[in-house]
Amino acid sequence: MHLYYEYATIYSITLIIIMKRTQTTQPFTVRRAAAGAGLGLFATAPIKKGAFIIEYTGEKITNAEADRRGGRYLFNINSKWTIDGKEHHNTARYINHSCQPNCESRIVGGKVKIYATEEIIPGEELAYDYGEEYFEEFLKPHGCRCVKCHHPKK
């Protein structure tokens, strides 16, 4: 029980630091998402369609290393490189999947950048489509939770 408490305390402190950092300088915040979805990134101010929102950051590793590590926060840049965004300071990792996203990822100069695909209002959760490969590996076994899922049901 003691180890769980230490983990929860460290995790809470990390989350508070992330929230303070994002609330003061960015138009979004990390908070509890829909039931069963964990944490999500939510707009705290209006975000215009086409606006740059955030960069998906992390360690740049080879695709071979990404295959060796595995994990949910790997973002493939090209045929050679992947960003491992598992660290909590990567606030973009809290953007959840949606089959009806309001954001999209773009690879710009070897960096992963997230842009708004529509007007986003305060309180709205930021989301983008994680893609078919992620769906097959992580979402399909448990089922996509999107209201209007575009992936075929089993």
Protein backbone atom coordinates (compact mmCIF):
# COMPACT_ATOMS: atom_id res chain seq x y z
CA MET A 1 0.00 0.00 0.00
CA HIS A 2 2.88 2.35 0.79
CA LEU A 3 4.36 2.01 -2.71
CA TYR A 4 0.99 2.78 -4.29
CA TYR A 5 0.67 5.90 -2.13
CA GLU A 6 4.17 7.09 -3.16
CA TYR A 7 3.35 6.48 -6.83
CA ALA A 8 0.01 8.28 -6.51
CA THR A 9 1.69 11.23 -4.76
CA ILE A 10 4.44 11.51 -7.36
CA TYR A 11 1.92 11.12 -10.19
CA SER A 12 -0.36 13.77 -8.64
CA ILE A 13 2.52 16.21 -8.18
CA THR A 14 3.64 15.63 -11.77
CA LEU A 15 0.09 16.18 -13.01
CA ILE A 16 -0.27 19.38 -10.96
CA ILE A 17 2.98 20.71 -12.43
CA ILE A 18 1.78 19.87 -15.95
CA MET A 19 -1.58 21.51 -15.31
CA LYS A 20 -0.01 24.67 -13.86
CA ARG A 21 2.41 24.89 -16.78
CA THR A 22 -0.29 24.44 -19.41
CA GLN A 23 -2.90 26.62 -17.73
CA THR A 24 -0.60 29.62 -17.56
CA THR A 25 0.82 29.54 -21.07
CA GLN A 26 -1.39 27.35 -23.27
CA PRO A 27 -5.09 27.28 -24.27
CA PHE A 28 -5.59 23.80 -22.76
CA THR A 29 -5.39 21.80 -19.54
CA VAL A 30 -5.10 18.14 -18.52
CA ARG A 31 -8.08 16.71 -16.65
CA ARG A 32 -10.16 13.55 -16.27
CA ALA A 33 -11.76 12.59 -19.59
CA ALA A 34 -14.93 10.57 -20.22
CA ALA A 35 -15.56 7.49 -18.10
CA GLY A 36 -12.97 4.83 -18.83
CA ALA A 37 -10.78 7.11 -20.95
CA GLY A 38 -8.35 8.30 -18.26
CA LEU A 39 -6.92 11.78 -18.64
CA GLY A 40 -7.49 14.06 -21.61
CA LEU A 41 -6.46 17.48 -22.90
CA PHE A 42 -9.23 20.10 -22.86
CA ALA A 43 -9.42 23.59 -24.34
CA THR A 44 -9.46 26.44 -21.80
CA ALA A 45 -9.82 29.12 -24.48
CA PRO A 46 -11.20 29.23 -28.03
CA ILE A 47 -8.86 27.64 -30.60
CA LYS A 48 -9.27 28.67 -34.23
CA LYS A 49 -9.50 26.17 -37.08
CA GLY A 50 -6.02 25.60 -38.52
CA ALA A 51 -4.22 26.89 -35.42
CA PHE A 52 -1.11 25.14 -34.13
CA ILE A 53 -1.92 23.73 -30.69
CA ILE A 54 1.04 21.76 -29.35
CA GLU A 55 4.07 19.70 -30.34
CA TYR A 56 4.17 15.99 -29.49
CA THR A 57 7.56 15.76 -27.80
CA GLY A 58 9.77 12.99 -26.51
CA GLU A 59 12.89 11.02 -27.18
CA LYS A 60 13.72 10.58 -30.87
CA ILE A 61 14.54 6.90 -31.42
CA THR A 62 14.96 4.60 -34.40
CA ASN A 63 11.98 2.55 -35.53
CA ALA A 64 13.94 -0.59 -34.60
CA GLU A 65 14.30 0.73 -31.03
CA ALA A 66 10.59 1.62 -31.01
CA ASP A 67 9.73 -1.96 -32.00
CA ARG A 68 11.98 -3.24 -29.20
CA ARG A 69 10.42 -0.94 -26.56
CA GLY A 70 6.80 -1.12 -27.64
CA GLY A 71 4.25 1.07 -25.90
CA ARG A 72 1.29 3.35 -26.47
CA TYR A 73 3.09 6.67 -26.80
CA LEU A 74 5.23 5.93 -29.85
CA PHE A 75 4.62 8.34 -32.74
CA ASN A 76 6.16 7.28 -36.06
CA ILE A 77 7.72 10.20 -37.96
CA ASN A 78 9.00 8.39 -41.05
CA SER A 79 10.54 5.09 -42.18
CA LYS A 80 13.52 5.61 -39.85
CA TRP A 81 12.46 7.63 -36.80
CA THR A 82 9.86 7.56 -34.02
CA ILE A 83 9.11 9.90 -31.10
CA ASP A 84 8.71 8.12 -27.76
CA GLY A 85 6.34 10.43 -25.87
CA LYS A 86 5.89 8.34 -22.73
CA GLU A 87 7.27 11.01 -20.37
CA HIS A 88 4.66 12.97 -18.42
CA HIS A 89 6.14 16.32 -19.47
CA ASN A 90 4.87 15.59 -22.99
CA THR A 91 1.46 17.23 -22.50
CA ALA A 92 0.37 16.23 -26.03
CA ARG A 93 0.32 12.59 -24.92
CA TYR A 94 -2.96 13.37 -23.13
CA ILE A 95 -4.79 14.00 -26.42
CA ASN A 96 -7.14 11.04 -26.81
CA HIS A 97 -8.27 9.18 -29.93
CA SER A 98 -11.52 10.01 -31.68
CA CYS A 99 -13.06 8.76 -34.90
CA GLN A 100 -14.50 12.30 -35.22
CA PRO A 101 -11.42 14.35 -34.29
CA ASN A 102 -11.12 18.10 -33.91
CA CYS A 103 -7.33 17.98 -34.35
CA GLU A 104 -4.80 16.37 -36.66
CA SER A 105 -1.12 15.56 -36.46
CA ARG A 106 1.33 16.83 -39.06
CA ILE A 107 5.00 15.99 -39.46
CA VAL A 108 6.80 19.33 -39.93
CA GLY A 109 10.60 19.36 -40.13
CA GLY A 110 10.88 16.04 -38.32
CA LYS A 111 8.60 17.19 -35.51
CA VAL A 112 5.05 16.08 -34.71
CA LYS A 113 2.73 19.07 -34.46
CA ILE A 114 -0.95 19.07 -33.57
CA TYR A 115 -3.34 21.48 -35.35
CA ALA A 116 -7.04 22.24 -34.93
CA THR A 117 -9.18 20.96 -37.82
CA GLU A 118 -12.21 22.94 -36.65
CA GLU A 119 -13.13 25.71 -34.23
CA ILE A 120 -12.67 24.39 -30.68
CA ILE A 121 -14.55 25.93 -27.77
CA PRO A 122 -13.47 26.10 -24.11
CA GLY A 123 -14.24 22.86 -22.28
CA GLU A 124 -14.06 20.74 -25.44
CA GLU A 125 -11.72 17.76 -25.38
CA LEU A 126 -8.91 17.79 -27.96
CA ALA A 127 -8.74 14.58 -30.00
CA TYR A 128 -7.27 13.16 -33.18
CA ASP A 129 -7.54 9.84 -35.01
CA TYR A 130 -4.61 7.67 -33.91
CA GLY A 131 -4.73 5.71 -37.16
CA GLU A 132 -5.32 2.14 -38.25
CA GLU A 133 -2.11 0.62 -36.87
CA TYR A 134 -2.76 1.97 -33.35
CA PHE A 135 -6.40 0.88 -33.58
CA GLU A 136 -5.43 -2.68 -34.50
CA GLU A 137 -2.87 -3.00 -31.69
CA PHE A 138 -4.47 -1.13 -28.79
CA LEU A 139 -8.10 -0.17 -29.41
CA LYS A 140 -9.58 -3.13 -31.27
CA PRO A 141 -8.98 -5.69 -28.49
CA HIS A 142 -11.06 -3.54 -26.10
CA GLY A 143 -13.29 -1.80 -28.60
CA CYS A 144 -13.28 1.81 -29.73
CA ARG A 145 -15.30 4.04 -27.36
CA CYS A 146 -16.22 6.63 -29.99
CA VAL A 147 -19.94 7.33 -30.34
CA LYS A 148 -19.67 7.17 -34.13
CA CYS A 149 -16.76 4.76 -34.57
CA HIS A 150 -15.64 4.33 -38.18
CA HIS A 151 -13.84 1.04 -37.49
CA PRO A 152 -15.78 -2.13 -38.33
CA LYS A 153 -17.15 -3.98 -35.30
CA LYS A 154 -16.11 -7.58 -34.63
